[in-house]
Amino acid sequence: ALVNVDAAALGDVGEEMLKDFVEHGGTVLYAGDLWAFDRGHVKGNALETLLPVLRPTGNTALTLRRGDCTIYYCDANAACGEALAADAVMLYADGAFTLKPGARKLLAGKDGTPVLVAWTRGQGRVIAVTGTALGEAPAGKTLFTLTPSWSNYLASLLKTP
C-alpha cells in the first residue's frame, strides 16, 4: 500500500522493483487523492504507467467535491447501484480522473466519478483510490474509512487474485 507517497521518493530502483512486484503477481494499493496525484510527482514517473487512472494534463488542480459524496458499488459494466453503506461518505475529486483502457471502476460517486479503480498489469493488480479520508463527514454521515463495509470490501479486494 502506498498512501500519500511522493513517487520521487521511490527512486529509479524503487520504481523498477514496484513494477516487477506487480508484473510477477503482486498487488499494489495506491491512495492519496489531492496530495499523491497532484503533488506526489506521479506525472511522467514510472508509477504513472502502473496506475489504472490518468490525471488531466496541464495545470488542472483537483478540487474536492462537497455535498452528496455517497459511494456506490459498480458492476462489470461500470453501472453503479448499491451504496457502500447507507451513511458512508468520501470526499473525492470532481471529474479529475480518466480510466485507462482495461481499467475497471469498482466504486464511484453518485455521478459516476471514479473513486476506486483497478486493473491487471502482468500477473498482478494495481488498485487506485482517488478519494481521500481527509476532512469530516457531514452531520448524520460517517467517513467511509470508519465503516465495516469499507474494511470488508477492501479486505476482499486484497485477498482476491
N, C-alpha and C. Protein backbone atom coordinates (compact mmCIF):
# COMPACT_ATOMS: atom_id res chain seq x y z
N ALA A 1 0.85 -1.18 0.00
CA ALA A 1 0.00 0.00 0.00
C ALA A 1 0.89 1.24 0.00
N LEU A 2 0.60 2.13 -0.92
CA LEU A 2 1.29 3.41 -0.99
C LEU A 2 0.24 4.49 -0.78
N VAL A 3 0.31 5.16 0.36
CA VAL A 3 -0.68 6.19 0.69
C VAL A 3 0.06 7.50 0.90
N ASN A 4 -0.33 8.50 0.09
CA ASN A 4 0.31 9.81 0.13
C ASN A 4 1.83 9.72 -0.02
N VAL A 5 2.26 8.87 -0.94
CA VAL A 5 3.68 8.68 -1.19
C VAL A 5 4.10 9.54 -2.37
N ASP A 6 5.18 10.26 -2.19
CA ASP A 6 5.78 11.03 -3.27
C ASP A 6 6.54 10.03 -4.14
N ALA A 7 6.12 9.91 -5.40
CA ALA A 7 6.73 8.93 -6.30
C ALA A 7 8.24 9.14 -6.44
N ALA A 8 8.68 10.38 -6.32
CA ALA A 8 10.11 10.66 -6.43
C ALA A 8 10.90 9.97 -5.31
N ALA A 9 10.25 9.72 -4.17
CA ALA A 9 10.93 9.08 -3.05
C ALA A 9 11.27 7.62 -3.35
N LEU A 10 10.57 7.03 -4.30
CA LEU A 10 10.85 5.64 -4.66
C LEU A 10 12.20 5.51 -5.37
N GLY A 11 12.56 6.53 -6.12
CA GLY A 11 13.80 6.47 -6.90
C GLY A 11 13.66 5.50 -8.06
N ASP A 12 14.62 5.51 -8.95
CA ASP A 12 14.57 4.65 -10.13
C ASP A 12 14.55 3.17 -9.76
N VAL A 13 15.36 2.79 -8.78
CA VAL A 13 15.43 1.38 -8.37
C VAL A 13 14.11 0.96 -7.72
N GLY A 14 13.57 1.81 -6.86
CA GLY A 14 12.30 1.51 -6.20
C GLY A 14 11.16 1.37 -7.19
N GLU A 15 11.13 2.24 -8.19
CA GLU A 15 10.09 2.16 -9.21
C GLU A 15 10.19 0.86 -9.99
N GLU A 16 11.40 0.47 -10.33
CA GLU A 16 11.61 -0.77 -11.08
C GLU A 16 11.21 -1.97 -10.23
N MET A 17 11.53 -1.95 -8.94
CA MET A 17 11.15 -3.03 -8.04
C MET A 17 9.63 -3.12 -7.92
N LEU A 18 8.95 -1.98 -7.83
CA LEU A 18 7.49 -1.95 -7.72
C LEU A 18 6.85 -2.52 -8.99
N LYS A 19 7.37 -2.11 -10.13
CA LYS A 19 6.87 -2.60 -11.41
C LYS A 19 7.05 -4.12 -11.50
N ASP A 20 8.23 -4.62 -11.13
CA ASP A 20 8.49 -6.07 -11.16
C ASP A 20 7.57 -6.81 -10.18
N PHE A 21 7.36 -6.23 -9.01
CA PHE A 21 6.49 -6.83 -8.00
C PHE A 21 5.10 -7.05 -8.57
N VAL A 22 4.55 -6.03 -9.23
CA VAL A 22 3.20 -6.14 -9.80
C VAL A 22 3.19 -7.12 -10.96
N GLU A 23 4.13 -6.99 -11.87
CA GLU A 23 4.13 -7.84 -13.06
C GLU A 23 4.31 -9.32 -12.72
N HIS A 24 4.87 -9.61 -11.55
CA HIS A 24 5.07 -11.01 -11.14
C HIS A 24 4.03 -11.48 -10.13
N GLY A 25 2.89 -10.77 -10.05
CA GLY A 25 1.77 -11.27 -9.25
C GLY A 25 1.42 -10.47 -8.01
N GLY A 26 2.14 -9.41 -7.70
CA GLY A 26 1.83 -8.62 -6.52
C GLY A 26 0.67 -7.67 -6.75
N THR A 27 0.08 -7.21 -5.65
CA THR A 27 -0.99 -6.22 -5.70
C THR A 27 -0.52 -4.95 -5.02
N VAL A 28 -0.73 -3.82 -5.69
CA VAL A 28 -0.38 -2.52 -5.12
C VAL A 28 -1.66 -1.72 -4.95
N LEU A 29 -1.82 -1.13 -3.77
CA LEU A 29 -2.91 -0.21 -3.49
C LEU A 29 -2.30 1.18 -3.41
N TYR A 30 -2.75 2.08 -4.28
CA TYR A 30 -2.22 3.45 -4.30
C TYR A 30 -3.35 4.41 -3.95
N ALA A 31 -3.13 5.24 -2.96
CA ALA A 31 -4.16 6.16 -2.50
C ALA A 31 -3.55 7.49 -2.09
N GLY A 32 -4.36 8.49 -2.09
CA GLY A 32 -3.88 9.78 -1.61
C GLY A 32 -4.58 10.97 -2.19
N ASP A 33 -5.37 10.80 -3.22
CA ASP A 33 -6.15 11.86 -3.85
C ASP A 33 -5.34 13.12 -4.08
N LEU A 34 -5.73 14.22 -3.49
CA LEU A 34 -5.13 15.52 -3.81
C LEU A 34 -3.61 15.52 -3.69
N TRP A 35 -3.11 15.06 -2.58
CA TRP A 35 -1.67 15.16 -2.37
C TRP A 35 -0.92 14.23 -3.30
N ALA A 36 -1.26 12.97 -3.28
CA ALA A 36 -0.47 11.99 -4.03
C ALA A 36 -0.54 12.21 -5.54
N PHE A 37 -1.72 12.43 -6.07
CA PHE A 37 -1.85 12.54 -7.52
C PHE A 37 -1.40 13.90 -8.06
N ASP A 38 -1.60 14.96 -7.29
CA ASP A 38 -1.23 16.29 -7.78
C ASP A 38 0.18 16.72 -7.40
N ARG A 39 0.58 16.37 -6.20
CA ARG A 39 1.87 16.86 -5.71
C ARG A 39 2.87 15.75 -5.44
N GLY A 40 2.52 14.54 -5.79
CA GLY A 40 3.37 13.40 -5.49
C GLY A 40 4.25 12.95 -6.64
N HIS A 41 4.50 13.82 -7.59
CA HIS A 41 5.41 13.53 -8.72
C HIS A 41 5.04 12.27 -9.49
N VAL A 42 3.75 12.01 -9.64
CA VAL A 42 3.30 10.84 -10.39
C VAL A 42 3.43 11.10 -11.89
N LYS A 43 3.09 12.32 -12.32
CA LYS A 43 3.10 12.67 -13.75
C LYS A 43 4.50 12.49 -14.33
N GLY A 44 4.58 11.71 -15.40
CA GLY A 44 5.87 11.49 -16.07
C GLY A 44 6.78 10.52 -15.35
N ASN A 45 6.29 9.90 -14.30
CA ASN A 45 7.07 8.98 -13.49
C ASN A 45 6.67 7.55 -13.87
N ALA A 46 7.53 6.60 -13.59
CA ALA A 46 7.21 5.19 -13.91
C ALA A 46 5.95 4.73 -13.18
N LEU A 47 5.68 5.30 -12.01
CA LEU A 47 4.48 4.95 -11.27
C LEU A 47 3.23 5.29 -12.08
N GLU A 48 3.28 6.35 -12.84
CA GLU A 48 2.13 6.75 -13.66
C GLU A 48 1.72 5.63 -14.62
N THR A 49 2.69 4.89 -15.14
CA THR A 49 2.37 3.80 -16.08
C THR A 49 1.70 2.63 -15.37
N LEU A 50 1.93 2.48 -14.07
CA LEU A 50 1.30 1.38 -13.32
C LEU A 50 -0.14 1.68 -12.92
N LEU A 51 -0.47 2.95 -12.75
CA LEU A 51 -1.78 3.31 -12.24
C LEU A 51 -2.88 3.14 -13.29
N PRO A 52 -4.08 2.72 -12.86
CA PRO A 52 -5.19 2.49 -13.79
C PRO A 52 -5.96 3.76 -14.17
N VAL A 53 -5.53 4.90 -13.65
CA VAL A 53 -6.21 6.17 -13.95
C VAL A 53 -5.20 7.20 -14.45
N LEU A 54 -5.71 8.14 -15.23
CA LEU A 54 -4.91 9.26 -15.71
C LEU A 54 -5.45 10.55 -15.12
N ARG A 55 -4.56 11.47 -14.88
CA ARG A 55 -4.94 12.83 -14.48
C ARG A 55 -4.85 13.71 -15.72
N PRO A 56 -5.67 14.72 -15.82
CA PRO A 56 -5.58 15.61 -16.99
C PRO A 56 -4.22 16.29 -17.06
N THR A 57 -3.79 16.60 -18.27
CA THR A 57 -2.53 17.32 -18.42
C THR A 57 -2.79 18.80 -18.24
N GLY A 58 -1.74 19.54 -18.07
CA GLY A 58 -1.88 20.98 -17.87
C GLY A 58 -1.92 21.32 -16.40
N ASN A 59 -2.37 22.49 -16.11
CA ASN A 59 -2.38 22.98 -14.74
C ASN A 59 -3.77 22.86 -14.14
N THR A 60 -4.33 21.66 -14.17
CA THR A 60 -5.66 21.41 -13.65
C THR A 60 -5.56 20.91 -12.22
N ALA A 61 -5.93 21.73 -11.28
CA ALA A 61 -5.86 21.33 -9.87
C ALA A 61 -7.08 20.50 -9.51
N LEU A 62 -6.89 19.53 -8.66
CA LEU A 62 -8.01 18.75 -8.16
C LEU A 62 -8.81 19.59 -7.19
N THR A 63 -10.11 19.45 -7.25
CA THR A 63 -10.96 20.08 -6.26
C THR A 63 -11.81 19.00 -5.62
N LEU A 64 -12.02 19.11 -4.34
CA LEU A 64 -12.81 18.10 -3.65
C LEU A 64 -14.29 18.41 -3.80
N ARG A 65 -15.04 17.38 -4.12
CA ARG A 65 -16.49 17.50 -4.23
C ARG A 65 -17.07 17.58 -2.82
N ARG A 66 -18.02 18.42 -2.67
CA ARG A 66 -18.72 18.53 -1.39
C ARG A 66 -20.20 18.26 -1.66
N GLY A 67 -20.95 17.99 -0.65
CA GLY A 67 -22.36 17.70 -0.86
C GLY A 67 -22.58 16.21 -0.77
N ASP A 68 -23.33 15.64 -1.71
CA ASP A 68 -23.61 14.20 -1.67
C ASP A 68 -22.38 13.44 -2.14
N CYS A 69 -21.66 12.89 -1.21
CA CYS A 69 -20.44 12.14 -1.51
C CYS A 69 -20.62 10.67 -1.18
N THR A 70 -21.83 10.17 -1.36
CA THR A 70 -22.09 8.77 -1.14
C THR A 70 -21.33 7.94 -2.18
N ILE A 71 -20.84 6.80 -1.77
CA ILE A 71 -20.05 5.93 -2.64
C ILE A 71 -20.91 4.73 -3.03
N TYR A 72 -20.84 4.36 -4.31
CA TYR A 72 -21.65 3.26 -4.82
C TYR A 72 -20.77 2.18 -5.44
N TYR A 73 -21.20 0.91 -5.27
CA TYR A 73 -20.55 -0.21 -5.94
C TYR A 73 -20.87 -0.14 -7.43
N CYS A 74 -19.91 -0.51 -8.27
CA CYS A 74 -20.13 -0.54 -9.71
C CYS A 74 -20.02 -1.98 -10.19
N ASP A 75 -20.82 -2.33 -11.19
CA ASP A 75 -20.75 -3.68 -11.74
C ASP A 75 -19.71 -3.74 -12.86
N ALA A 76 -19.60 -4.87 -13.52
CA ALA A 76 -18.59 -5.07 -14.57
C ALA A 76 -18.76 -4.10 -15.73
N ASN A 77 -19.96 -3.56 -15.90
CA ASN A 77 -20.21 -2.58 -16.97
C ASN A 77 -20.09 -1.14 -16.49
N ALA A 78 -19.57 -0.96 -15.28
CA ALA A 78 -19.37 0.36 -14.65
C ALA A 78 -20.68 1.04 -14.28
N ALA A 79 -21.79 0.30 -14.28
CA ALA A 79 -23.06 0.85 -13.81
C ALA A 79 -23.04 0.77 -12.29
N CYS A 80 -23.41 1.85 -11.65
CA CYS A 80 -23.33 1.91 -10.19
C CYS A 80 -24.72 1.81 -9.58
N GLY A 81 -24.83 1.05 -8.50
CA GLY A 81 -26.13 0.82 -7.88
C GLY A 81 -26.14 0.98 -6.39
N GLU A 82 -25.87 -0.09 -5.66
CA GLU A 82 -25.97 -0.11 -4.21
C GLU A 82 -24.88 0.74 -3.55
N ALA A 83 -25.27 1.45 -2.49
CA ALA A 83 -24.31 2.27 -1.74
C ALA A 83 -23.39 1.39 -0.91
N LEU A 84 -22.17 1.83 -0.74
CA LEU A 84 -21.19 1.11 0.09
C LEU A 84 -21.75 0.91 1.49
N ALA A 85 -22.32 1.94 2.04
CA ALA A 85 -23.02 1.89 3.33
C ALA A 85 -24.01 3.05 3.32
N ALA A 86 -25.11 2.89 3.99
CA ALA A 86 -26.19 3.88 3.92
C ALA A 86 -25.74 5.28 4.31
N ASP A 87 -24.84 5.37 5.27
CA ASP A 87 -24.44 6.70 5.74
C ASP A 87 -22.98 7.03 5.45
N ALA A 88 -22.30 6.20 4.65
CA ALA A 88 -20.87 6.39 4.39
C ALA A 88 -20.64 7.41 3.29
N VAL A 89 -19.71 8.33 3.53
CA VAL A 89 -19.35 9.32 2.52
C VAL A 89 -17.83 9.42 2.40
N MET A 90 -17.39 9.93 1.28
CA MET A 90 -15.98 10.15 1.00
C MET A 90 -15.86 11.46 0.25
N LEU A 91 -14.87 12.24 0.57
CA LEU A 91 -14.58 13.40 -0.26
C LEU A 91 -13.78 12.90 -1.44
N TYR A 92 -14.19 13.26 -2.63
CA TYR A 92 -13.47 12.75 -3.79
C TYR A 92 -13.31 13.83 -4.84
N ALA A 93 -12.38 13.61 -5.73
CA ALA A 93 -12.05 14.59 -6.75
C ALA A 93 -13.16 14.69 -7.77
N ASP A 94 -13.44 15.89 -8.18
CA ASP A 94 -14.54 16.19 -9.07
C ASP A 94 -14.14 15.96 -10.53
N GLY A 95 -14.49 14.80 -11.09
CA GLY A 95 -14.27 14.52 -12.50
C GLY A 95 -12.83 14.66 -12.98
N ALA A 96 -11.88 14.42 -12.11
CA ALA A 96 -10.49 14.71 -12.44
C ALA A 96 -9.70 13.50 -12.91
N PHE A 97 -10.32 12.34 -12.97
CA PHE A 97 -9.61 11.13 -13.36
C PHE A 97 -10.27 10.47 -14.54
N THR A 98 -9.45 9.92 -15.43
CA THR A 98 -9.94 9.15 -16.57
C THR A 98 -9.40 7.74 -16.42
N LEU A 99 -10.26 6.76 -16.64
CA LEU A 99 -9.82 5.38 -16.58
C LEU A 99 -9.00 5.05 -17.82
N LYS A 100 -7.91 4.34 -17.62
CA LYS A 100 -7.12 3.85 -18.75
C LYS A 100 -7.84 2.66 -19.37
N PRO A 101 -7.62 2.40 -20.65
CA PRO A 101 -8.24 1.24 -21.29
C PRO A 101 -7.89 -0.03 -20.52
N GLY A 102 -8.90 -0.83 -20.21
CA GLY A 102 -8.70 -2.07 -19.46
C GLY A 102 -8.90 -1.92 -17.96
N ALA A 103 -9.01 -0.68 -17.48
CA ALA A 103 -9.24 -0.45 -16.05
C ALA A 103 -10.72 -0.62 -15.75
N ARG A 104 -11.03 -0.98 -14.52
CA ARG A 104 -12.41 -1.20 -14.11
C ARG A 104 -12.75 -0.33 -12.91
N LYS A 105 -13.83 0.42 -13.02
CA LYS A 105 -14.33 1.26 -11.93
C LYS A 105 -15.08 0.35 -10.96
N LEU A 106 -14.62 0.28 -9.71
CA LEU A 106 -15.23 -0.58 -8.71
C LEU A 106 -16.17 0.18 -7.79
N LEU A 107 -15.79 1.41 -7.46
CA LEU A 107 -16.62 2.29 -6.64
C LEU A 107 -16.66 3.65 -7.31
N ALA A 108 -17.79 4.33 -7.18
CA ALA A 108 -17.94 5.65 -7.81
C ALA A 108 -18.84 6.54 -6.97
N GLY A 109 -18.76 7.82 -7.25
CA GLY A 109 -19.67 8.78 -6.65
C GLY A 109 -21.02 8.71 -7.36
N LYS A 110 -21.97 9.46 -6.86
CA LYS A 110 -23.32 9.46 -7.39
C LYS A 110 -23.37 9.74 -8.89
N ASP A 111 -22.48 10.62 -9.37
CA ASP A 111 -22.47 10.99 -10.79
C ASP A 111 -21.57 10.09 -11.63
N GLY A 112 -21.04 9.02 -11.03
CA GLY A 112 -20.19 8.09 -11.76
C GLY A 112 -18.71 8.42 -11.69
N THR A 113 -18.33 9.49 -11.00
CA THR A 113 -16.92 9.84 -10.84
C THR A 113 -16.19 8.68 -10.17
N PRO A 114 -15.10 8.19 -10.76
CA PRO A 114 -14.40 7.05 -10.17
C PRO A 114 -13.82 7.37 -8.80
N VAL A 115 -14.00 6.44 -7.88
CA VAL A 115 -13.48 6.56 -6.53
C VAL A 115 -12.47 5.45 -6.26
N LEU A 116 -12.71 4.27 -6.80
CA LEU A 116 -11.79 3.15 -6.66
C LEU A 116 -11.72 2.44 -8.01
N VAL A 117 -10.51 2.33 -8.56
CA VAL A 117 -10.31 1.77 -9.90
C VAL A 117 -9.21 0.72 -9.82
N ALA A 118 -9.39 -0.37 -10.56
CA ALA A 118 -8.38 -1.44 -10.54
C ALA A 118 -8.12 -1.93 -11.96
N TRP A 119 -6.97 -2.52 -12.13
CA TRP A 119 -6.65 -3.20 -13.39
C TRP A 119 -5.54 -4.20 -13.16
N THR A 120 -5.32 -5.02 -14.16
CA THR A 120 -4.29 -6.05 -14.11
C THR A 120 -3.08 -5.57 -14.89
N ARG A 121 -1.92 -5.80 -14.34
CA ARG A 121 -0.64 -5.49 -15.01
C ARG A 121 0.21 -6.74 -14.89
N GLY A 122 0.51 -7.35 -16.02
CA GLY A 122 1.24 -8.62 -15.97
C GLY A 122 0.40 -9.63 -15.22
N GLN A 123 0.96 -10.22 -14.17
CA GLN A 123 0.23 -11.19 -13.36
C GLN A 123 -0.37 -10.55 -12.10
N GLY A 124 -0.12 -9.27 -11.90
CA GLY A 124 -0.58 -8.60 -10.69
C GLY A 124 -1.67 -7.58 -10.92
N ARG A 125 -1.97 -6.83 -9.88
CA ARG A 125 -3.03 -5.83 -9.94
C ARG A 125 -2.59 -4.53 -9.29
N VAL A 126 -3.17 -3.45 -9.78
CA VAL A 126 -2.98 -2.14 -9.16
C VAL A 126 -4.36 -1.57 -8.90
N ILE A 127 -4.58 -1.13 -7.66
CA ILE A 127 -5.84 -0.55 -7.24
C ILE A 127 -5.57 0.89 -6.84
N ALA A 128 -6.31 1.82 -7.41
CA ALA A 128 -6.13 3.24 -7.10
C ALA A 128 -7.37 3.78 -6.40
N VAL A 129 -7.16 4.42 -5.27
CA VAL A 129 -8.23 5.11 -4.55
C VAL A 129 -8.07 6.59 -4.89
N THR A 130 -9.07 7.16 -5.56
CA THR A 130 -8.96 8.56 -5.97
C THR A 130 -9.63 9.51 -5.00
N GLY A 131 -10.16 8.98 -3.93
CA GLY A 131 -10.77 9.82 -2.90
C GLY A 131 -9.84 9.98 -1.73
N THR A 132 -10.32 10.64 -0.71
CA THR A 132 -9.48 10.91 0.45
C THR A 132 -10.26 10.71 1.74
N ALA A 133 -9.54 10.37 2.78
CA ALA A 133 -10.14 10.24 4.11
C ALA A 133 -9.93 11.52 4.90
N LEU A 134 -9.43 12.55 4.25
CA LEU A 134 -9.23 13.82 4.94
C LEU A 134 -10.56 14.53 5.10
N GLY A 135 -10.67 15.33 6.13
CA GLY A 135 -11.90 16.10 6.35
C GLY A 135 -12.84 15.37 7.28
N GLU A 136 -14.00 15.98 7.47
CA GLU A 136 -15.00 15.41 8.36
C GLU A 136 -16.28 15.16 7.58
N ALA A 137 -16.94 14.11 7.96
CA ALA A 137 -18.22 13.79 7.33
C ALA A 137 -19.27 14.79 7.79
N PRO A 138 -20.24 15.10 6.92
CA PRO A 138 -21.33 15.98 7.34
C PRO A 138 -22.14 15.34 8.46
N ALA A 139 -22.93 16.13 9.16
CA ALA A 139 -23.77 15.63 10.26
C ALA A 139 -24.65 14.49 9.75
N GLY A 140 -24.72 13.42 10.52
CA GLY A 140 -25.55 12.28 10.17
C GLY A 140 -24.89 11.30 9.22
N LYS A 141 -23.66 11.57 8.81
CA LYS A 141 -22.93 10.70 7.90
C LYS A 141 -21.67 10.18 8.60
N THR A 142 -21.06 9.15 8.01
CA THR A 142 -19.85 8.56 8.56
C THR A 142 -18.79 8.55 7.48
N LEU A 143 -17.58 8.93 7.83
CA LEU A 143 -16.48 8.85 6.87
C LEU A 143 -16.30 7.40 6.46
N PHE A 144 -16.16 7.15 5.17
CA PHE A 144 -16.13 5.78 4.63
C PHE A 144 -15.12 4.88 5.32
N THR A 145 -13.96 5.43 5.73
CA THR A 145 -12.91 4.61 6.34
C THR A 145 -13.32 4.06 7.70
N LEU A 146 -14.37 4.59 8.28
CA LEU A 146 -14.82 4.15 9.59
C LEU A 146 -15.97 3.15 9.52
N THR A 147 -16.31 2.68 8.33
CA THR A 147 -17.42 1.74 8.18
C THR A 147 -16.92 0.31 8.00
N PRO A 148 -17.64 -0.66 8.55
CA PRO A 148 -17.28 -2.06 8.31
C PRO A 148 -17.37 -2.41 6.82
N SER A 149 -18.28 -1.76 6.10
CA SER A 149 -18.42 -2.03 4.66
C SER A 149 -17.12 -1.78 3.92
N TRP A 150 -16.46 -0.66 4.22
CA TRP A 150 -15.20 -0.33 3.56
C TRP A 150 -14.12 -1.34 3.93
N SER A 151 -13.98 -1.61 5.21
CA SER A 151 -12.94 -2.55 5.66
C SER A 151 -13.13 -3.92 5.02
N ASN A 152 -14.37 -4.40 5.01
CA ASN A 152 -14.64 -5.71 4.43
C ASN A 152 -14.41 -5.72 2.92
N TYR A 153 -14.83 -4.66 2.25
CA TYR A 153 -14.67 -4.59 0.79
C TYR A 153 -13.19 -4.54 0.41
N LEU A 154 -12.44 -3.68 1.08
CA LEU A 154 -11.02 -3.55 0.78
C LEU A 154 -10.29 -4.87 1.07
N ALA A 155 -10.62 -5.50 2.18
CA ALA A 155 -10.00 -6.80 2.51
C ALA A 155 -10.31 -7.83 1.43
N SER A 156 -11.54 -7.84 0.92
CA SER A 156 -11.90 -8.82 -0.11
C SER A 156 -11.14 -8.53 -1.41
N LEU A 157 -10.93 -7.26 -1.72
CA LEU A 157 -10.16 -6.91 -2.93
C LEU A 157 -8.72 -7.36 -2.83
N LEU A 158 -8.14 -7.19 -1.66
CA LEU A 158 -6.73 -7.55 -1.47
C LEU A 158 -6.52 -9.05 -1.42
N LYS A 159 -7.55 -9.80 -1.04
CA LYS A 159 -7.45 -11.26 -0.98
C LYS A 159 -7.67 -11.90 -2.35
N THR A 160 -8.49 -11.26 -3.17
CA THR A 160 -8.86 -11.84 -4.46
C THR A 160 -7.73 -11.69 -5.47
N PRO A 161 -7.28 -12.79 -6.08
CA PRO A 161 -6.21 -12.66 -7.07
C PRO A 161 -6.71 -12.05 -8.36
